[in-house]
Amino acid sequence: MTIERDIQGPREGSDLPRYAGIATFALLPRIDEVEHADIAVVGIPFDSGTSFRPGARFGPAHIREHSRQLHPYHQIHETFPFRNQQIVDAGDFGVNPYSIDQAVESIHAKAERLTSQGTRILALGGDHTVALPLLRAAASAHGPLAVLHFDAHLDTWDVLHGASIWHGSPFRRAAEEGLLDLEHCQHVGIRGGVYDPSELEDDRRAGFEIIRSEEFQERSMQSIAAQILERLGSGPVYISIDIDVLDPAHAPGTGTPEVAGINTREFFSVLRRLKGLNIVGGDVVEVAPAYDHAGVTGLAAAHTAWELLTLMGLSATGD
């Protein structure tokens, strides 16, 4: 039996409305309140790998605060995801804010403790550096992963300012380490600048095909989703979402905003067509609340995480 908060009204055993009290993600139970977690939402407040505007270390708290509005029933998928699986909030991973290498090692170790118990992770970042140790943990449990990567940027770059691990390199390092299924990885929403065309060839060698943001104007959402599903296949899938895949009008609170992005309606229209994937983990990263306005980015990120949790629940039940 799963433990579920009543997020339509007052919390269980309390007269607190959902806008009051301490926020877990979607007011889910804490991990210490259950015997086993099928899926754990974890915060990773780390942004030492960012290359432009800092502040994503405050992203997990911002996303949790804006997740209070979430409800337990998904109208499109006609499911109660919190009833299909035991989903919990596992709190934040404490990581070293001064050393990228030590932080990555710590995230990997803590993530692997969860995945070794059969718990899938949905991480709230933090900058995109955190994807590398999460991929290491997921690949250790499931083998090479098909990666679905929503982002304005490739994130398959090499060394920058002497650092081989930073928020622009997680998927290059993951490919080099054999964590990725090189025949089944897909970028979506790419539009950011590159320094040289050779970077696109490096990206292809890392196993990725690209769906650019312009294609959302030229194609139907159904055709884009169909291409994604065909590319990813039936093996284990990790979904990584940089909130800057959205246009800054829809997600201003991020460290490396890029104009001419997709909107939330287009994004969710594609996400909701990805039912049937074997999703073993994921993340929503690069939310930097200092640049947010009226909670626009926090709301987008919280609802994005909710969509991923729903897909992960459907993945486990086969519905």
Protein backbone atom coordinates (compact mmCIF):
# COMPACT_ATOMS: atom_id res chain seq x y z
CA MET A 1 0.00 0.00 0.00
CA THR A 2 1.29 3.45 -0.89
CA ILE A 3 1.21 6.44 1.43
CA GLU A 4 -0.27 9.47 -0.25
CA ARG A 5 -0.87 12.98 1.00
CA ASP A 6 -4.30 14.46 0.31
CA ILE A 7 -3.07 17.35 -1.77
CA GLN A 8 -6.55 18.39 -2.80
CA GLY A 9 -7.26 19.70 0.68
CA PRO A 10 -5.71 19.78 4.16
CA ARG A 11 -2.73 17.56 4.84
CA GLU A 12 -3.25 14.22 6.49
CA GLY A 13 -3.89 14.69 10.21
CA SER A 14 -3.52 18.46 9.94
CA ASP A 15 -5.63 21.55 9.42
CA LEU A 16 -2.87 23.17 7.30
CA PRO A 17 -3.89 24.16 3.78
CA ARG A 18 -1.39 23.20 1.12
CA TYR A 19 0.14 26.69 0.93
CA ALA A 20 1.19 26.45 4.59
CA GLY A 21 3.82 24.41 6.41
CA ILE A 22 7.08 22.92 5.12
CA ALA A 23 6.94 21.93 1.45
CA THR A 24 7.96 18.52 0.28
CA PHE A 25 7.57 18.07 -3.46
CA ALA A 26 3.79 18.03 -4.17
CA LEU A 27 3.38 17.50 -0.40
CA LEU A 28 4.56 13.92 -0.82
CA PRO A 29 5.57 11.87 2.23
CA ARG A 30 9.21 12.00 3.30
CA ILE A 31 11.37 8.97 2.61
CA ASP A 32 11.65 8.23 6.34
CA GLU A 33 7.87 7.81 6.51
CA VAL A 34 7.77 4.75 4.21
CA GLU A 35 9.31 1.29 4.19
CA HIS A 36 10.30 1.40 0.53
CA ALA A 37 10.29 4.06 -2.18
CA ASP A 38 9.68 3.17 -5.81
CA ILE A 39 10.55 6.71 -6.89
CA ALA A 40 12.39 9.33 -4.85
CA VAL A 41 12.36 13.04 -5.64
CA VAL A 42 15.71 14.44 -4.50
CA GLY A 43 17.07 17.97 -4.52
CA ILE A 44 20.67 18.62 -5.53
CA PRO A 45 21.50 22.23 -4.56
CA PHE A 46 24.72 22.54 -6.56
CA ASP A 47 25.75 25.12 -9.17
CA SER A 48 29.54 25.23 -9.08
CA GLY A 49 29.65 23.89 -12.65
CA THR A 50 27.74 26.75 -14.20
CA SER A 51 29.40 28.86 -16.90
CA PHE A 52 27.24 31.99 -16.83
CA ARG A 53 24.67 33.16 -14.24
CA PRO A 54 24.88 31.29 -10.90
CA GLY A 55 21.97 30.53 -8.58
CA ALA A 56 20.67 27.08 -9.54
CA ARG A 57 21.73 25.84 -6.08
CA PHE A 58 18.49 27.42 -4.90
CA GLY A 59 16.45 25.62 -7.55
CA PRO A 60 15.26 22.60 -5.51
CA ALA A 61 13.65 24.74 -2.81
CA HIS A 62 12.05 26.99 -5.43
CA ILE A 63 10.60 24.03 -7.33
CA ARG A 64 9.26 22.42 -4.16
CA GLU A 65 7.59 25.68 -3.12
CA HIS A 66 5.83 25.93 -6.48
CA SER A 67 4.82 22.26 -6.42
CA ARG A 68 2.25 22.93 -3.71
CA GLN A 69 -0.27 23.64 -6.46
CA LEU A 70 -0.02 20.15 -7.97
CA HIS A 71 -2.98 17.78 -7.78
CA PRO A 72 -3.06 13.97 -7.53
CA TYR A 73 -5.01 13.09 -10.70
CA HIS A 74 -3.58 13.43 -14.22
CA GLN A 75 -6.45 14.22 -16.58
CA ILE A 76 -4.66 13.41 -19.82
CA HIS A 77 -3.27 10.05 -18.73
CA GLU A 78 -6.30 9.31 -16.53
CA THR A 79 -4.19 8.09 -13.64
CA PHE A 80 -3.28 8.75 -10.00
CA PRO A 81 0.53 8.49 -10.24
CA PHE A 82 1.05 8.65 -6.48
CA ARG A 83 -1.15 5.58 -6.10
CA ASN A 84 0.56 3.56 -8.82
CA GLN A 85 3.95 3.81 -7.12
CA GLN A 86 5.26 4.80 -3.70
CA ILE A 87 6.74 8.20 -4.48
CA VAL A 88 8.52 10.18 -1.78
CA ASP A 89 10.57 13.29 -1.24
CA ALA A 90 14.05 12.20 -0.15
CA GLY A 91 15.19 15.72 0.70
CA ASP A 92 18.41 17.27 -0.59
CA PHE A 93 21.77 15.64 -1.22
CA GLY A 94 24.37 17.57 0.76
CA VAL A 95 27.31 18.23 -1.60
CA ASN A 96 30.57 20.15 -1.51
CA PRO A 97 29.98 23.64 -3.00
CA TYR A 98 33.71 24.27 -3.55
CA SER A 99 34.89 21.14 -5.39
CA ILE A 100 33.14 19.86 -8.51
CA ASP A 101 34.98 16.53 -8.33
CA GLN A 102 34.05 15.91 -4.70
CA ALA A 103 30.45 16.97 -5.33
CA VAL A 104 30.11 14.61 -8.28
CA GLU A 105 31.54 11.70 -6.27
CA SER A 106 29.16 12.44 -3.39
CA ILE A 107 26.09 12.69 -5.65
CA HIS A 108 27.02 9.41 -7.31
CA ALA A 109 27.44 7.59 -3.99
CA LYS A 110 24.17 8.90 -2.58
CA ALA A 111 22.24 8.21 -5.76
CA GLU A 112 23.63 4.69 -5.96
CA ARG A 113 22.46 3.95 -2.42
CA LEU A 114 18.92 4.62 -3.62
CA THR A 115 19.15 2.88 -7.01
CA SER A 116 20.71 -0.23 -5.42
CA GLN A 117 17.51 -0.56 -3.38
CA GLY A 118 15.36 -0.51 -6.51
CA THR A 119 14.42 3.16 -6.18
CA ARG A 120 14.31 5.32 -9.27
CA ILE A 121 15.38 8.95 -8.88
CA LEU A 122 13.88 12.16 -10.18
CA ALA A 123 16.36 14.90 -9.29
CA LEU A 124 15.69 18.62 -8.95
CA GLY A 125 18.78 20.68 -9.76
CA GLY A 126 21.08 22.35 -9.47
CA ASP A 127 23.05 22.91 -12.65
CA HIS A 128 23.36 20.27 -15.35
CA THR A 129 26.63 18.95 -13.96
CA VAL A 130 24.52 16.78 -11.64
CA ALA A 131 23.31 14.67 -14.58
CA LEU A 132 26.69 12.90 -14.86
CA PRO A 133 26.72 11.23 -11.41
CA LEU A 134 23.00 10.45 -11.74
CA LEU A 135 23.67 8.74 -15.08
CA ARG A 136 26.48 6.77 -13.46
CA ALA A 137 24.12 5.48 -10.78
CA ALA A 138 21.32 4.68 -13.22
CA ALA A 139 23.65 2.92 -15.66
CA SER A 140 25.14 0.88 -12.83
CA ALA A 141 21.65 -0.47 -12.11
CA HIS A 142 20.30 -0.75 -15.66
CA GLY A 143 23.18 -0.79 -18.14
CA PRO A 144 23.81 1.70 -20.96
CA LEU A 145 21.03 4.28 -21.18
CA ALA A 146 19.08 5.93 -23.93
CA VAL A 147 19.03 9.61 -23.01
CA LEU A 148 16.25 12.02 -23.89
CA HIS A 149 17.70 15.48 -23.38
CA PHE A 150 15.52 18.60 -23.53
CA ASP A 151 17.77 21.66 -23.64
CA ALA A 152 18.72 24.78 -25.55
CA HIS A 153 22.33 23.55 -25.53
CA LEU A 154 24.14 20.38 -26.55
CA ASP A 155 25.98 19.78 -23.25
CA THR A 156 28.48 17.53 -25.04
CA TRP A 157 31.33 20.04 -24.90
CA ASP A 158 34.80 19.19 -23.65
CA VAL A 159 37.09 21.05 -21.25
CA LEU A 160 36.33 24.67 -20.29
CA HIS A 161 38.65 26.79 -18.16
CA GLY A 162 40.55 23.62 -17.24
CA ALA A 163 37.45 21.78 -15.99
CA SER A 164 36.47 18.54 -17.72
CA ILE A 165 33.30 18.22 -15.65
CA TRP A 166 30.96 21.23 -15.75
CA HIS A 167 27.38 21.86 -16.78
CA GLY A 168 28.24 21.85 -20.50
CA SER A 169 29.97 18.45 -20.52
CA PRO A 170 27.86 15.81 -18.69
CA PHE A 171 26.77 13.88 -21.78
CA ARG A 172 30.21 13.89 -23.40
CA ARG A 173 31.74 12.46 -20.23
CA ALA A 174 28.85 9.96 -19.93
CA ALA A 175 29.41 8.77 -23.51
CA GLU A 176 33.14 8.39 -22.91
CA GLU A 177 32.44 6.32 -19.78
CA GLY A 178 30.16 3.94 -21.66
CA LEU A 179 27.04 5.03 -19.77
CA LEU A 180 25.03 5.80 -22.92
CA ASP A 181 23.44 3.67 -25.60
CA LEU A 182 24.94 5.57 -28.52
CA GLU A 183 22.25 4.41 -30.96
CA HIS A 184 19.34 5.74 -28.92
CA CYS A 185 20.02 9.27 -27.60
CA GLN A 186 18.03 12.34 -28.57
CA HIS A 187 18.35 16.10 -28.02
CA VAL A 188 15.18 18.20 -28.21
CA GLY A 189 14.86 22.00 -28.36
CA ILE A 190 18.46 22.79 -29.31
CA ARG A 191 19.12 26.36 -30.43
CA GLY A 192 22.08 27.71 -28.46
CA GLY A 193 25.22 28.91 -30.19
CA VAL A 194 28.33 26.83 -30.83
CA TYR A 195 31.92 27.97 -31.27
CA ASP A 196 32.72 25.73 -34.22
CA PRO A 197 30.89 23.22 -36.46
CA SER A 198 33.21 20.49 -35.15
CA GLU A 199 31.17 20.57 -31.94
CA LEU A 200 28.21 19.17 -33.86
CA GLU A 201 30.32 16.26 -35.06
CA ASP A 202 31.51 15.66 -31.50
CA ASP A 203 27.87 15.59 -30.48
CA ARG A 204 27.04 12.94 -33.10
CA ARG A 205 29.93 10.81 -31.85
CA ALA A 206 28.42 11.07 -28.35
CA GLY A 207 25.34 9.30 -29.74
CA PHE A 208 22.84 12.13 -30.15
CA GLU A 209 20.43 13.16 -32.86
CA ILE A 210 18.98 16.69 -32.74
CA ILE A 211 15.44 18.06 -32.93
CA ARG A 212 15.87 21.83 -33.05
CA SER A 213 13.46 24.33 -31.55
CA GLU A 214 12.54 25.59 -35.04
CA GLU A 215 10.96 22.21 -35.80
CA PHE A 216 8.25 22.95 -33.26
CA GLN A 217 6.99 25.62 -35.68
CA GLU A 218 7.27 23.45 -38.77
CA ARG A 219 6.03 20.07 -37.52
CA SER A 220 3.22 18.66 -35.43
CA MET A 221 3.84 17.73 -31.82
CA GLN A 222 2.66 14.23 -32.66
CA SER A 223 5.37 13.78 -35.32
CA ILE A 224 8.07 15.06 -32.96
CA ALA A 225 6.95 12.70 -30.21
CA ALA A 226 6.83 9.79 -32.68
CA GLN A 227 10.43 10.50 -33.73
CA ILE A 228 11.52 10.58 -30.10
CA LEU A 229 9.81 7.29 -29.29
CA GLU A 230 11.32 5.60 -32.33
CA ARG A 231 14.80 6.87 -31.51
CA LEU A 232 14.75 5.89 -27.83
CA GLY A 233 13.49 2.35 -28.35
CA SER A 234 12.47 -0.10 -25.65
CA GLY A 235 15.57 -0.10 -23.46
CA PRO A 236 16.18 1.87 -20.24
CA VAL A 237 15.66 5.61 -20.71
CA TYR A 238 16.96 8.54 -18.69
CA ILE A 239 15.17 11.88 -19.26
CA SER A 240 17.15 15.04 -18.54
CA ILE A 241 15.37 18.39 -18.76
CA ASP A 242 17.16 21.72 -18.64
CA ILE A 243 14.46 24.32 -18.00
CA ASP A 244 16.15 26.60 -20.55
CA VAL A 245 14.65 24.40 -23.27
CA LEU A 246 11.72 26.77 -22.75
CA ASP A 247 11.83 30.26 -24.19
CA PRO A 248 12.82 32.90 -21.60
CA ALA A 249 9.28 34.23 -21.81
CA HIS A 250 8.17 30.94 -20.23
CA ALA A 251 11.22 30.27 -18.03
CA PRO A 252 13.25 33.41 -17.31
CA GLY A 253 14.77 32.02 -14.12
CA THR A 254 17.72 30.13 -15.52
CA GLY A 255 21.45 30.61 -15.85
CA THR A 256 21.93 30.48 -19.62
CA PRO A 257 18.72 31.72 -21.29
CA GLU A 258 18.41 31.46 -25.07
CA VAL A 259 15.79 33.27 -27.15
CA ALA A 260 13.47 31.58 -29.67
CA GLY A 261 12.71 28.57 -27.53
CA ILE A 262 9.61 26.41 -27.28
CA ASN A 263 6.66 27.30 -25.07
CA THR A 264 5.19 25.28 -22.22
CA ARG A 265 2.18 24.14 -24.24
CA GLU A 266 4.38 22.70 -27.00
CA PHE A 267 6.69 21.13 -24.43
CA PHE A 268 3.92 19.42 -22.48
CA SER A 269 2.18 18.34 -25.66
CA VAL A 270 5.28 16.35 -26.59
CA LEU A 271 5.97 15.09 -23.06
CA ARG A 272 2.45 13.74 -22.71
CA ARG A 273 2.87 11.68 -25.88
CA LEU A 274 5.87 9.77 -24.49
CA LYS A 275 3.84 7.14 -22.69
CA GLY A 276 5.37 3.67 -22.87
CA LEU A 277 9.03 4.53 -22.37
CA ASN A 278 11.04 2.45 -19.89
CA ILE A 279 12.09 5.42 -17.75
CA VAL A 280 14.66 4.55 -15.08
CA GLY A 281 15.54 8.06 -13.91
CA GLY A 282 15.49 11.73 -14.72
CA ASP A 283 16.19 15.29 -13.70
CA VAL A 284 14.84 18.83 -14.01
CA VAL A 285 17.73 21.26 -13.73
CA GLU A 286 19.02 24.82 -14.15
CA VAL A 287 16.24 26.63 -12.27
CA ALA A 288 17.81 29.81 -10.89
CA PRO A 289 15.12 31.59 -8.83
CA ALA A 290 16.96 34.91 -8.53
CA TYR A 291 16.07 35.57 -12.18
CA ASP A 292 12.50 34.29 -11.94
CA HIS A 293 9.42 36.50 -12.14
CA ALA A 294 6.13 35.71 -10.39
CA GLY A 295 7.19 32.07 -10.04
CA VAL A 296 6.90 31.47 -13.80
CA THR A 297 9.99 29.24 -13.95
CA GLY A 298 9.26 27.53 -10.63
CA LEU A 299 5.77 26.61 -11.80
CA ALA A 300 7.05 25.34 -15.14
CA ALA A 301 9.70 23.20 -13.43
CA ALA A 302 7.32 21.81 -10.80
CA HIS A 303 4.75 20.82 -13.42
CA THR A 304 7.52 19.35 -15.60
CA ALA A 305 8.63 17.15 -12.71
CA TRP A 306 4.98 16.13 -12.18
CA GLU A 307 4.73 15.08 -15.83
CA LEU A 308 7.91 13.01 -15.49
CA LEU A 309 6.66 11.33 -12.33
CA THR A 310 3.45 10.43 -14.12
CA LEU A 311 5.37 8.93 -17.05
CA MET A 312 7.62 7.03 -14.65
CA GLY A 313 4.57 5.63 -12.88
CA LEU A 314 3.04 4.53 -16.18
CA SER A 315 6.37 3.01 -17.17
CA ALA A 316 6.34 0.82 -14.06
CA THR A 317 2.70 -0.27 -14.30
CA GLY A 318 2.59 -0.75 -18.06
CA ASP A 319 -0.63 1.28 -18.30
